[in-house]
Amino acid sequence: MIDPWMGWVGLVAVLGLWMLGAYNRITSLKAAVLAGWAPLDAALHDRDQAVAALLQATAEPLAGEAAARDAVAQALAQAQAAADVVRRAPAAADPVADLGKADAVLAAVLVRLVSLVEQQPALLASDDFAGTLQKLKHAPVRLAFGRQVFNEAGAAYNAATAQFPTRLLGSLLRFGRAGRF
């Protein structure tokens, strides 16, 4: 006959091993979210540099369009501030949502400035400026790829933390929801 204590010890051992496995799975999925942030962060950084170069290059030729330039500068500052917050915690949902909103605002105001720039033949003739504009036009493609990788990793993490019985460990082990960008 099996000792009742052995049954309890076996149950505790199985439960402990399951908790360890669940924790390791969630930890590896969170690491994938952090790894997915890296290409997105690089694309954001490159885009921000191109926007800053665009603002600097258009200071004199588009002096009459100060409102458009100021709107882009303000949106760029907000997007950079939001990205800085996300860099500290890439798997947190609220900062990622704030970054998404700031990025959408920047994209919207940037369209107007780029259209104004494209009406300036003297600016477009400059090789340095053409390179900056080209970088800026390719940024959405890199951002879309980075978003896809990041969002897929976040979706896998969120799905794993929402599954029963792993979600029972959520509050105990502080599994939060990953954000979508």
N, C-alpha and C. Protein backbone atom coordinates (compact mmCIF):
# COMPACT_ATOMS: atom_id res chain seq x y z
N MET A 1 0.83 -1.17 0.00
CA MET A 1 0.00 0.00 0.00
C MET A 1 0.89 1.25 0.00
N ILE A 2 0.46 2.27 -0.71
CA ILE A 2 1.24 3.51 -0.83
C ILE A 2 0.96 4.38 0.38
N ASP A 3 2.03 4.92 0.90
CA ASP A 3 1.92 5.82 2.05
C ASP A 3 1.22 7.11 1.60
N PRO A 4 0.24 7.62 2.37
CA PRO A 4 -0.45 8.85 1.97
C PRO A 4 0.50 10.04 1.82
N TRP A 5 1.54 10.07 2.60
CA TRP A 5 2.51 11.17 2.48
C TRP A 5 3.23 11.13 1.14
N MET A 6 3.47 9.95 0.64
CA MET A 6 4.14 9.83 -0.66
C MET A 6 3.24 10.38 -1.77
N GLY A 7 1.95 10.15 -1.64
CA GLY A 7 1.01 10.70 -2.62
C GLY A 7 1.03 12.22 -2.61
N TRP A 8 1.05 12.80 -1.41
CA TRP A 8 1.10 14.26 -1.29
C TRP A 8 2.43 14.80 -1.80
N VAL A 9 3.50 14.13 -1.49
CA VAL A 9 4.82 14.56 -1.97
C VAL A 9 4.87 14.50 -3.49
N GLY A 10 4.31 13.43 -4.06
CA GLY A 10 4.26 13.30 -5.51
C GLY A 10 3.43 14.40 -6.14
N LEU A 11 2.29 14.72 -5.53
CA LEU A 11 1.43 15.77 -6.05
C LEU A 11 2.14 17.13 -5.99
N VAL A 12 2.79 17.42 -4.89
CA VAL A 12 3.53 18.68 -4.75
C VAL A 12 4.67 18.73 -5.76
N ALA A 13 5.36 17.60 -5.99
CA ALA A 13 6.46 17.56 -6.95
C ALA A 13 5.94 17.83 -8.36
N VAL A 14 4.84 17.21 -8.72
CA VAL A 14 4.26 17.42 -10.06
C VAL A 14 3.82 18.88 -10.21
N LEU A 15 3.16 19.41 -9.20
CA LEU A 15 2.72 20.80 -9.24
C LEU A 15 3.92 21.76 -9.34
N GLY A 16 4.96 21.50 -8.58
CA GLY A 16 6.16 22.33 -8.62
C GLY A 16 6.85 22.27 -9.98
N LEU A 17 6.94 21.07 -10.56
CA LEU A 17 7.56 20.94 -11.88
C LEU A 17 6.71 21.63 -12.95
N TRP A 18 5.38 21.54 -12.82
CA TRP A 18 4.53 22.23 -13.78
C TRP A 18 4.74 23.74 -13.67
N MET A 19 4.78 24.26 -12.43
CA MET A 19 4.99 25.70 -12.25
C MET A 19 6.33 26.14 -12.82
N LEU A 20 7.35 25.33 -12.62
CA LEU A 20 8.67 25.66 -13.17
C LEU A 20 8.62 25.67 -14.69
N GLY A 21 7.96 24.69 -15.29
CA GLY A 21 7.84 24.65 -16.75
C GLY A 21 7.05 25.83 -17.28
N ALA A 22 5.96 26.16 -16.62
CA ALA A 22 5.15 27.30 -17.06
C ALA A 22 5.94 28.60 -16.95
N TYR A 23 6.66 28.76 -15.86
CA TYR A 23 7.47 29.96 -15.67
C TYR A 23 8.54 30.06 -16.76
N ASN A 24 9.21 28.96 -17.06
CA ASN A 24 10.25 28.97 -18.09
C ASN A 24 9.66 29.27 -19.46
N ARG A 25 8.48 28.74 -19.75
CA ARG A 25 7.84 29.01 -21.04
C ARG A 25 7.50 30.49 -21.16
N ILE A 26 6.90 31.05 -20.14
CA ILE A 26 6.52 32.47 -20.18
C ILE A 26 7.76 33.35 -20.25
N THR A 27 8.79 32.98 -19.51
CA THR A 27 10.04 33.75 -19.54
C THR A 27 10.66 33.74 -20.93
N SER A 28 10.64 32.59 -21.60
CA SER A 28 11.22 32.54 -22.95
C SER A 28 10.36 33.33 -23.93
N LEU A 29 9.04 33.32 -23.75
CA LEU A 29 8.18 34.12 -24.62
C LEU A 29 8.38 35.62 -24.37
N LYS A 30 8.60 35.99 -23.12
CA LYS A 30 8.88 37.39 -22.82
C LYS A 30 10.22 37.81 -23.42
N ALA A 31 11.19 36.91 -23.40
CA ALA A 31 12.48 37.20 -24.03
C ALA A 31 12.31 37.40 -25.53
N ALA A 32 11.39 36.67 -26.15
CA ALA A 32 11.12 36.86 -27.57
C ALA A 32 10.50 38.23 -27.83
N VAL A 33 9.66 38.71 -26.91
CA VAL A 33 9.09 40.06 -27.04
C VAL A 33 10.22 41.09 -26.97
N LEU A 34 11.12 40.90 -26.02
CA LEU A 34 12.25 41.83 -25.88
C LEU A 34 13.14 41.78 -27.12
N ALA A 35 13.36 40.60 -27.65
CA ALA A 35 14.16 40.47 -28.88
C ALA A 35 13.43 41.07 -30.07
N GLY A 36 12.11 40.99 -30.08
CA GLY A 36 11.32 41.58 -31.15
C GLY A 36 11.34 43.10 -31.11
N TRP A 37 11.61 43.66 -29.94
CA TRP A 37 11.68 45.11 -29.81
C TRP A 37 12.93 45.66 -30.49
N ALA A 38 14.00 44.91 -30.51
CA ALA A 38 15.29 45.41 -31.02
C ALA A 38 15.21 45.92 -32.46
N PRO A 39 14.69 45.13 -33.44
CA PRO A 39 14.63 45.68 -34.80
C PRO A 39 13.65 46.84 -34.93
N LEU A 40 12.59 46.80 -34.15
CA LEU A 40 11.63 47.91 -34.18
C LEU A 40 12.26 49.17 -33.61
N ASP A 41 13.00 49.03 -32.54
CA ASP A 41 13.68 50.18 -31.94
C ASP A 41 14.71 50.76 -32.91
N ALA A 42 15.44 49.90 -33.60
CA ALA A 42 16.42 50.38 -34.58
C ALA A 42 15.74 51.13 -35.72
N ALA A 43 14.62 50.61 -36.18
CA ALA A 43 13.88 51.28 -37.26
C ALA A 43 13.33 52.63 -36.79
N LEU A 44 12.83 52.67 -35.57
CA LEU A 44 12.33 53.94 -35.01
C LEU A 44 13.47 54.95 -34.89
N HIS A 45 14.61 54.49 -34.43
CA HIS A 45 15.77 55.38 -34.27
C HIS A 45 16.20 55.94 -35.62
N ASP A 46 16.30 55.09 -36.63
CA ASP A 46 16.70 55.55 -37.96
C ASP A 46 15.68 56.53 -38.54
N ARG A 47 14.40 56.23 -38.35
CA ARG A 47 13.37 57.13 -38.84
C ARG A 47 13.45 58.48 -38.13
N ASP A 48 13.66 58.45 -36.83
CA ASP A 48 13.75 59.70 -36.06
C ASP A 48 14.95 60.54 -36.51
N GLN A 49 16.06 59.89 -36.81
CA GLN A 49 17.23 60.62 -37.31
C GLN A 49 16.94 61.25 -38.67
N ALA A 50 16.24 60.51 -39.53
CA ALA A 50 15.90 61.05 -40.85
C ALA A 50 14.93 62.23 -40.72
N VAL A 51 13.99 62.14 -39.80
CA VAL A 51 13.05 63.25 -39.58
C VAL A 51 13.80 64.48 -39.04
N ALA A 52 14.72 64.25 -38.11
CA ALA A 52 15.50 65.37 -37.56
C ALA A 52 16.34 66.02 -38.66
N ALA A 53 16.93 65.20 -39.54
CA ALA A 53 17.71 65.74 -40.65
C ALA A 53 16.81 66.51 -41.62
N LEU A 54 15.61 66.01 -41.83
CA LEU A 54 14.65 66.69 -42.70
C LEU A 54 14.27 68.05 -42.12
N LEU A 55 14.02 68.08 -40.84
CA LEU A 55 13.68 69.35 -40.18
C LEU A 55 14.82 70.35 -40.29
N GLN A 56 16.03 69.87 -40.08
CA GLN A 56 17.18 70.77 -40.16
C GLN A 56 17.39 71.29 -41.58
N ALA A 57 17.23 70.40 -42.57
CA ALA A 57 17.46 70.80 -43.97
C ALA A 57 16.37 71.73 -44.49
N THR A 58 15.19 71.66 -43.91
CA THR A 58 14.08 72.49 -44.40
C THR A 58 13.89 73.77 -43.60
N ALA A 59 14.77 74.04 -42.66
CA ALA A 59 14.61 75.22 -41.81
C ALA A 59 14.55 76.50 -42.64
N GLU A 60 15.46 76.65 -43.57
CA GLU A 60 15.50 77.87 -44.37
C GLU A 60 14.55 77.81 -45.58
N PRO A 61 14.59 76.72 -46.38
CA PRO A 61 13.73 76.71 -47.57
C PRO A 61 12.23 76.74 -47.27
N LEU A 62 11.84 76.19 -46.14
CA LEU A 62 10.42 76.16 -45.79
C LEU A 62 10.14 77.04 -44.57
N ALA A 63 10.79 78.18 -44.51
CA ALA A 63 10.60 79.09 -43.38
C ALA A 63 9.15 79.56 -43.28
N GLY A 64 8.47 79.66 -44.40
CA GLY A 64 7.08 80.08 -44.41
C GLY A 64 6.12 79.01 -43.92
N GLU A 65 6.60 77.80 -43.82
CA GLU A 65 5.76 76.67 -43.36
C GLU A 65 6.18 76.26 -41.96
N ALA A 66 6.38 77.24 -41.10
CA ALA A 66 6.84 76.96 -39.73
C ALA A 66 5.84 76.11 -38.96
N ALA A 67 4.56 76.27 -39.23
CA ALA A 67 3.54 75.49 -38.51
C ALA A 67 3.69 74.01 -38.80
N ALA A 68 3.92 73.67 -40.05
CA ALA A 68 4.09 72.26 -40.43
C ALA A 68 5.36 71.69 -39.82
N ARG A 69 6.43 72.46 -39.86
CA ARG A 69 7.70 72.01 -39.28
C ARG A 69 7.59 71.87 -37.76
N ASP A 70 6.91 72.83 -37.13
CA ASP A 70 6.74 72.76 -35.67
C ASP A 70 5.89 71.57 -35.27
N ALA A 71 4.87 71.28 -36.05
CA ALA A 71 4.02 70.12 -35.75
C ALA A 71 4.82 68.83 -35.84
N VAL A 72 5.67 68.73 -36.84
CA VAL A 72 6.52 67.54 -36.98
C VAL A 72 7.53 67.47 -35.83
N ALA A 73 8.13 68.59 -35.49
CA ALA A 73 9.11 68.61 -34.39
C ALA A 73 8.45 68.20 -33.07
N GLN A 74 7.25 68.70 -32.83
CA GLN A 74 6.55 68.36 -31.59
C GLN A 74 6.16 66.88 -31.58
N ALA A 75 5.65 66.39 -32.70
CA ALA A 75 5.27 64.97 -32.78
C ALA A 75 6.49 64.07 -32.67
N LEU A 76 7.61 64.50 -33.24
CA LEU A 76 8.85 63.73 -33.12
C LEU A 76 9.30 63.66 -31.67
N ALA A 77 9.23 64.76 -30.97
CA ALA A 77 9.61 64.78 -29.55
C ALA A 77 8.73 63.85 -28.73
N GLN A 78 7.43 63.86 -29.00
CA GLN A 78 6.52 62.97 -28.28
C GLN A 78 6.80 61.51 -28.60
N ALA A 79 7.07 61.21 -29.86
CA ALA A 79 7.36 59.83 -30.25
C ALA A 79 8.67 59.36 -29.62
N GLN A 80 9.67 60.23 -29.58
CA GLN A 80 10.94 59.86 -28.96
C GLN A 80 10.78 59.65 -27.45
N ALA A 81 9.98 60.48 -26.81
CA ALA A 81 9.74 60.32 -25.37
C ALA A 81 9.00 59.00 -25.09
N ALA A 82 8.02 58.70 -25.92
CA ALA A 82 7.28 57.45 -25.75
C ALA A 82 8.19 56.24 -26.01
N ALA A 83 9.07 56.35 -27.00
CA ALA A 83 10.01 55.25 -27.29
C ALA A 83 10.98 55.05 -26.13
N ASP A 84 11.39 56.14 -25.50
CA ASP A 84 12.29 56.03 -24.34
C ASP A 84 11.62 55.27 -23.20
N VAL A 85 10.34 55.51 -22.99
CA VAL A 85 9.60 54.80 -21.94
C VAL A 85 9.50 53.31 -22.29
N VAL A 86 9.23 53.01 -23.55
CA VAL A 86 9.11 51.61 -23.97
C VAL A 86 10.45 50.90 -23.87
N ARG A 87 11.55 51.60 -24.13
CA ARG A 87 12.87 50.97 -24.02
C ARG A 87 13.13 50.42 -22.61
N ARG A 88 12.55 51.05 -21.61
CA ARG A 88 12.73 50.58 -20.22
C ARG A 88 11.90 49.33 -19.94
N ALA A 89 10.78 49.17 -20.63
CA ALA A 89 9.90 48.01 -20.41
C ALA A 89 9.17 47.66 -21.70
N PRO A 90 9.86 47.02 -22.66
CA PRO A 90 9.24 46.73 -23.96
C PRO A 90 8.04 45.80 -23.91
N ALA A 91 7.90 45.05 -22.83
CA ALA A 91 6.78 44.11 -22.76
C ALA A 91 5.56 44.69 -22.06
N ALA A 92 5.62 45.93 -21.63
CA ALA A 92 4.48 46.54 -20.92
C ALA A 92 3.47 47.08 -21.92
N ALA A 93 2.20 46.84 -21.67
CA ALA A 93 1.16 47.18 -22.63
C ALA A 93 0.91 48.68 -22.76
N ASP A 94 0.80 49.40 -21.66
CA ASP A 94 0.44 50.81 -21.73
C ASP A 94 1.48 51.68 -22.43
N PRO A 95 2.78 51.55 -22.11
CA PRO A 95 3.76 52.36 -22.83
C PRO A 95 3.80 52.06 -24.33
N VAL A 96 3.59 50.81 -24.69
CA VAL A 96 3.59 50.45 -26.12
C VAL A 96 2.39 51.08 -26.81
N ALA A 97 1.25 51.10 -26.14
CA ALA A 97 0.07 51.74 -26.73
C ALA A 97 0.30 53.24 -26.90
N ASP A 98 0.94 53.87 -25.91
CA ASP A 98 1.26 55.30 -26.02
C ASP A 98 2.21 55.57 -27.18
N LEU A 99 3.18 54.68 -27.35
CA LEU A 99 4.11 54.83 -28.48
C LEU A 99 3.37 54.69 -29.80
N GLY A 100 2.43 53.78 -29.88
CA GLY A 100 1.65 53.61 -31.10
C GLY A 100 0.88 54.87 -31.45
N LYS A 101 0.29 55.50 -30.45
CA LYS A 101 -0.46 56.74 -30.68
C LYS A 101 0.48 57.87 -31.13
N ALA A 102 1.62 58.00 -30.45
CA ALA A 102 2.58 59.05 -30.81
C ALA A 102 3.13 58.82 -32.21
N ASP A 103 3.37 57.57 -32.56
CA ASP A 103 3.88 57.24 -33.89
C ASP A 103 2.85 57.57 -34.96
N ALA A 104 1.58 57.32 -34.68
CA ALA A 104 0.53 57.63 -35.65
C ALA A 104 0.42 59.14 -35.87
N VAL A 105 0.55 59.91 -34.80
CA VAL A 105 0.51 61.37 -34.92
C VAL A 105 1.69 61.85 -35.76
N LEU A 106 2.88 61.30 -35.49
CA LEU A 106 4.06 61.70 -36.26
C LEU A 106 3.89 61.37 -37.73
N ALA A 107 3.39 60.19 -38.02
CA ALA A 107 3.19 59.80 -39.42
C ALA A 107 2.21 60.73 -40.11
N ALA A 108 1.17 61.14 -39.41
CA ALA A 108 0.16 62.02 -40.01
C ALA A 108 0.72 63.40 -40.33
N VAL A 109 1.46 64.00 -39.41
CA VAL A 109 1.97 65.35 -39.67
C VAL A 109 3.17 65.32 -40.61
N LEU A 110 3.85 64.19 -40.65
CA LEU A 110 5.01 64.06 -41.55
C LEU A 110 4.58 64.04 -43.01
N VAL A 111 3.41 63.54 -43.29
CA VAL A 111 2.90 63.49 -44.67
C VAL A 111 2.84 64.89 -45.25
N ARG A 112 2.34 65.83 -44.48
CA ARG A 112 2.23 67.21 -44.96
C ARG A 112 3.60 67.80 -45.24
N LEU A 113 4.55 67.60 -44.33
CA LEU A 113 5.88 68.17 -44.53
C LEU A 113 6.57 67.54 -45.74
N VAL A 114 6.44 66.25 -45.91
CA VAL A 114 7.07 65.60 -47.06
C VAL A 114 6.45 66.10 -48.36
N SER A 115 5.15 66.31 -48.38
CA SER A 115 4.52 66.84 -49.60
C SER A 115 5.00 68.26 -49.90
N LEU A 116 5.22 69.05 -48.85
CA LEU A 116 5.77 70.40 -49.06
C LEU A 116 7.20 70.33 -49.59
N VAL A 117 7.96 69.39 -49.08
CA VAL A 117 9.36 69.23 -49.53
C VAL A 117 9.40 68.80 -50.98
N GLU A 118 8.49 67.92 -51.37
CA GLU A 118 8.49 67.42 -52.75
C GLU A 118 8.13 68.51 -53.75
N GLN A 119 7.64 69.63 -53.28
CA GLN A 119 7.34 70.76 -54.15
C GLN A 119 8.51 71.73 -54.25
N GLN A 120 9.63 71.39 -53.64
CA GLN A 120 10.82 72.24 -53.65
C GLN A 120 11.90 71.59 -54.51
N PRO A 121 12.00 71.94 -55.79
CA PRO A 121 12.99 71.31 -56.67
C PRO A 121 14.44 71.54 -56.22
N ALA A 122 14.70 72.68 -55.61
CA ALA A 122 16.07 72.96 -55.15
C ALA A 122 16.49 71.98 -54.06
N LEU A 123 15.57 71.63 -53.17
CA LEU A 123 15.89 70.65 -52.13
C LEU A 123 16.07 69.27 -52.71
N LEU A 124 15.21 68.89 -53.62
CA LEU A 124 15.28 67.56 -54.20
C LEU A 124 16.53 67.36 -55.03
N ALA A 125 17.13 68.44 -55.54
CA ALA A 125 18.34 68.34 -56.35
C ALA A 125 19.56 68.00 -55.51
N SER A 126 19.53 68.30 -54.24
CA SER A 126 20.66 68.02 -53.35
C SER A 126 20.76 66.52 -53.08
N ASP A 127 21.98 65.96 -53.28
CA ASP A 127 22.18 64.52 -53.06
C ASP A 127 22.01 64.14 -51.59
N ASP A 128 22.53 64.99 -50.70
CA ASP A 128 22.39 64.70 -49.27
C ASP A 128 20.93 64.67 -48.86
N PHE A 129 20.19 65.65 -49.34
CA PHE A 129 18.78 65.71 -48.97
C PHE A 129 17.99 64.57 -49.61
N ALA A 130 18.33 64.22 -50.83
CA ALA A 130 17.64 63.12 -51.51
C ALA A 130 17.85 61.81 -50.73
N GLY A 131 19.05 61.62 -50.19
CA GLY A 131 19.31 60.43 -49.38
C GLY A 131 18.47 60.41 -48.11
N THR A 132 18.35 61.57 -47.48
CA THR A 132 17.52 61.67 -46.27
C THR A 132 16.07 61.38 -46.60
N LEU A 133 15.59 61.93 -47.68
CA LEU A 133 14.20 61.71 -48.07
C LEU A 133 13.98 60.24 -48.43
N GLN A 134 14.95 59.63 -49.06
CA GLN A 134 14.85 58.21 -49.40
C GLN A 134 14.79 57.35 -48.15
N LYS A 135 15.62 57.66 -47.15
CA LYS A 135 15.58 56.94 -45.88
C LYS A 135 14.21 57.08 -45.23
N LEU A 136 13.68 58.28 -45.30
CA LEU A 136 12.38 58.55 -44.70
C LEU A 136 11.26 57.78 -45.40
N LYS A 137 11.38 57.64 -46.71
CA LYS A 137 10.35 56.91 -47.45
C LYS A 137 10.45 55.40 -47.24
N HIS A 138 11.64 54.90 -46.92
CA HIS A 138 11.80 53.46 -46.67
C HIS A 138 11.53 53.10 -45.21
N ALA A 139 11.45 54.08 -44.36
CA ALA A 139 11.21 53.83 -42.92
C ALA A 139 9.91 53.08 -42.66
N PRO A 140 8.80 53.39 -43.33
CA PRO A 140 7.57 52.65 -43.04
C PRO A 140 7.67 51.15 -43.31
N VAL A 141 8.46 50.77 -44.29
CA VAL A 141 8.63 49.34 -44.58
C VAL A 141 9.37 48.66 -43.43
N ARG A 142 10.46 49.27 -42.98
CA ARG A 142 11.21 48.71 -41.85
C ARG A 142 10.36 48.70 -40.58
N LEU A 143 9.60 49.77 -40.37
CA LEU A 143 8.74 49.82 -39.20
C LEU A 143 7.65 48.75 -39.25
N ALA A 144 7.10 48.52 -40.42
CA ALA A 144 6.06 47.50 -40.56
C ALA A 144 6.61 46.11 -40.24
N PHE A 145 7.82 45.83 -40.73
CA PHE A 145 8.44 44.54 -40.42
C PHE A 145 8.72 44.42 -38.93
N GLY A 146 9.28 45.47 -38.34
CA GLY A 146 9.57 45.45 -36.91
C GLY A 146 8.30 45.30 -36.08
N ARG A 147 7.24 45.98 -36.49
CA ARG A 147 5.95 45.87 -35.79
C ARG A 147 5.43 44.44 -35.85
N GLN A 148 5.55 43.84 -37.03
CA GLN A 148 5.04 42.48 -37.20
C GLN A 148 5.77 41.50 -36.27
N VAL A 149 7.07 41.57 -36.23
CA VAL A 149 7.86 40.69 -35.37
C VAL A 149 7.50 40.93 -33.91
N PHE A 150 7.47 42.18 -33.51
CA PHE A 150 7.16 42.54 -32.13
C PHE A 150 5.74 42.10 -31.74
N ASN A 151 4.77 42.39 -32.60
CA ASN A 151 3.38 42.05 -32.30
C ASN A 151 3.15 40.54 -32.26
N GLU A 152 3.82 39.80 -33.14
CA GLU A 152 3.68 38.34 -33.11
C GLU A 152 4.25 37.76 -31.82
N ALA A 153 5.39 38.27 -31.40
CA ALA A 153 5.97 37.81 -30.13
C ALA A 153 5.06 38.17 -28.96
N GLY A 154 4.51 39.37 -28.98
CA GLY A 154 3.59 39.79 -27.92
C GLY A 154 2.31 38.97 -27.91
N ALA A 155 1.81 38.63 -29.09
CA ALA A 155 0.59 37.82 -29.17
C ALA A 155 0.83 36.42 -28.62
N ALA A 156 1.99 35.85 -28.92
CA ALA A 156 2.32 34.52 -28.39
C ALA A 156 2.44 34.57 -26.87
N TYR A 157 3.07 35.60 -26.36
CA TYR A 157 3.20 35.77 -24.91
C TYR A 157 1.83 35.94 -24.26
N ASN A 158 0.99 36.80 -24.84
CA ASN A 158 -0.34 37.04 -24.28
C ASN A 158 -1.20 35.78 -24.32
N ALA A 159 -1.10 35.02 -25.41
CA ALA A 159 -1.87 33.79 -25.51
C ALA A 159 -1.43 32.78 -24.45
N ALA A 160 -0.13 32.69 -24.23
CA ALA A 160 0.38 31.74 -23.24
C ALA A 160 -0.02 32.14 -21.82
N THR A 161 -0.01 33.42 -21.53
CA THR A 161 -0.37 33.85 -20.18
C THR A 161 -1.87 33.79 -19.94
N ALA A 162 -2.65 33.76 -21.00
CA ALA A 162 -4.11 33.71 -20.85
C ALA A 162 -4.64 32.28 -20.77
N GLN A 163 -3.81 31.30 -21.10
CA GLN A 163 -4.27 29.92 -21.08
C GLN A 163 -4.43 29.40 -19.65
N PHE A 164 -5.47 28.58 -19.49
CA PHE A 164 -5.64 27.91 -18.22
C PHE A 164 -4.72 26.70 -18.22
N PRO A 165 -4.04 26.41 -17.22
CA PRO A 165 -3.98 26.93 -15.87
C PRO A 165 -2.87 27.96 -15.66
N THR A 166 -2.13 28.29 -16.71
CA THR A 166 -1.03 29.24 -16.57
C THR A 166 -1.51 30.59 -16.06
N ARG A 167 -2.70 30.99 -16.46
CA ARG A 167 -3.20 32.30 -16.02
C ARG A 167 -3.40 32.34 -14.50
N LEU A 168 -3.54 31.19 -13.87
CA LEU A 168 -3.64 31.17 -12.42
C LEU A 168 -2.34 31.64 -11.77
N LEU A 169 -1.24 31.43 -12.47
CA LEU A 169 0.06 31.87 -11.97
C LEU A 169 0.33 33.33 -12.28
N GLY A 170 -0.49 33.93 -13.13
CA GLY A 170 -0.25 35.29 -13.60
C GLY A 170 -0.02 36.31 -12.51
N SER A 171 -0.89 36.34 -11.53
CA SER A 171 -0.73 37.34 -10.46
C SER A 171 0.41 36.94 -9.52
N LEU A 172 0.58 35.66 -9.32
CA LEU A 172 1.64 35.20 -8.43
C LEU A 172 3.02 35.50 -8.99
N LEU A 173 3.20 35.27 -10.29
CA LEU A 173 4.50 35.47 -10.92
C LEU A 173 4.58 36.77 -11.72
N ARG A 174 3.56 37.60 -11.61
CA ARG A 174 3.53 38.93 -12.23
C ARG A 174 3.68 38.89 -13.76
N PHE A 175 2.86 38.07 -14.38
CA PHE A 175 2.81 38.04 -15.83
C PHE A 175 1.85 39.13 -16.27
N GLY A 176 2.36 40.17 -16.90
CA GLY A 176 1.49 41.23 -17.41
C GLY A 176 1.18 40.97 -18.87
N ARG A 177 0.36 41.81 -19.44
CA ARG A 177 0.05 41.69 -20.87
C ARG A 177 1.09 42.47 -21.66
N ALA A 178 1.48 41.90 -22.78
CA ALA A 178 2.40 42.59 -23.68
C ALA A 178 1.59 43.51 -24.58
N GLY A 179 2.17 44.63 -24.92
CA GLY A 179 1.49 45.60 -25.76
C GLY A 179 1.61 45.26 -27.24
N ARG A 180 0.74 45.86 -28.02
CA ARG A 180 0.78 45.72 -29.49
C ARG A 180 1.02 47.11 -30.06
N PHE A 181 1.93 47.15 -31.03
CA PHE A 181 2.32 48.42 -31.61
C PHE A 181 1.79 48.52 -33.01
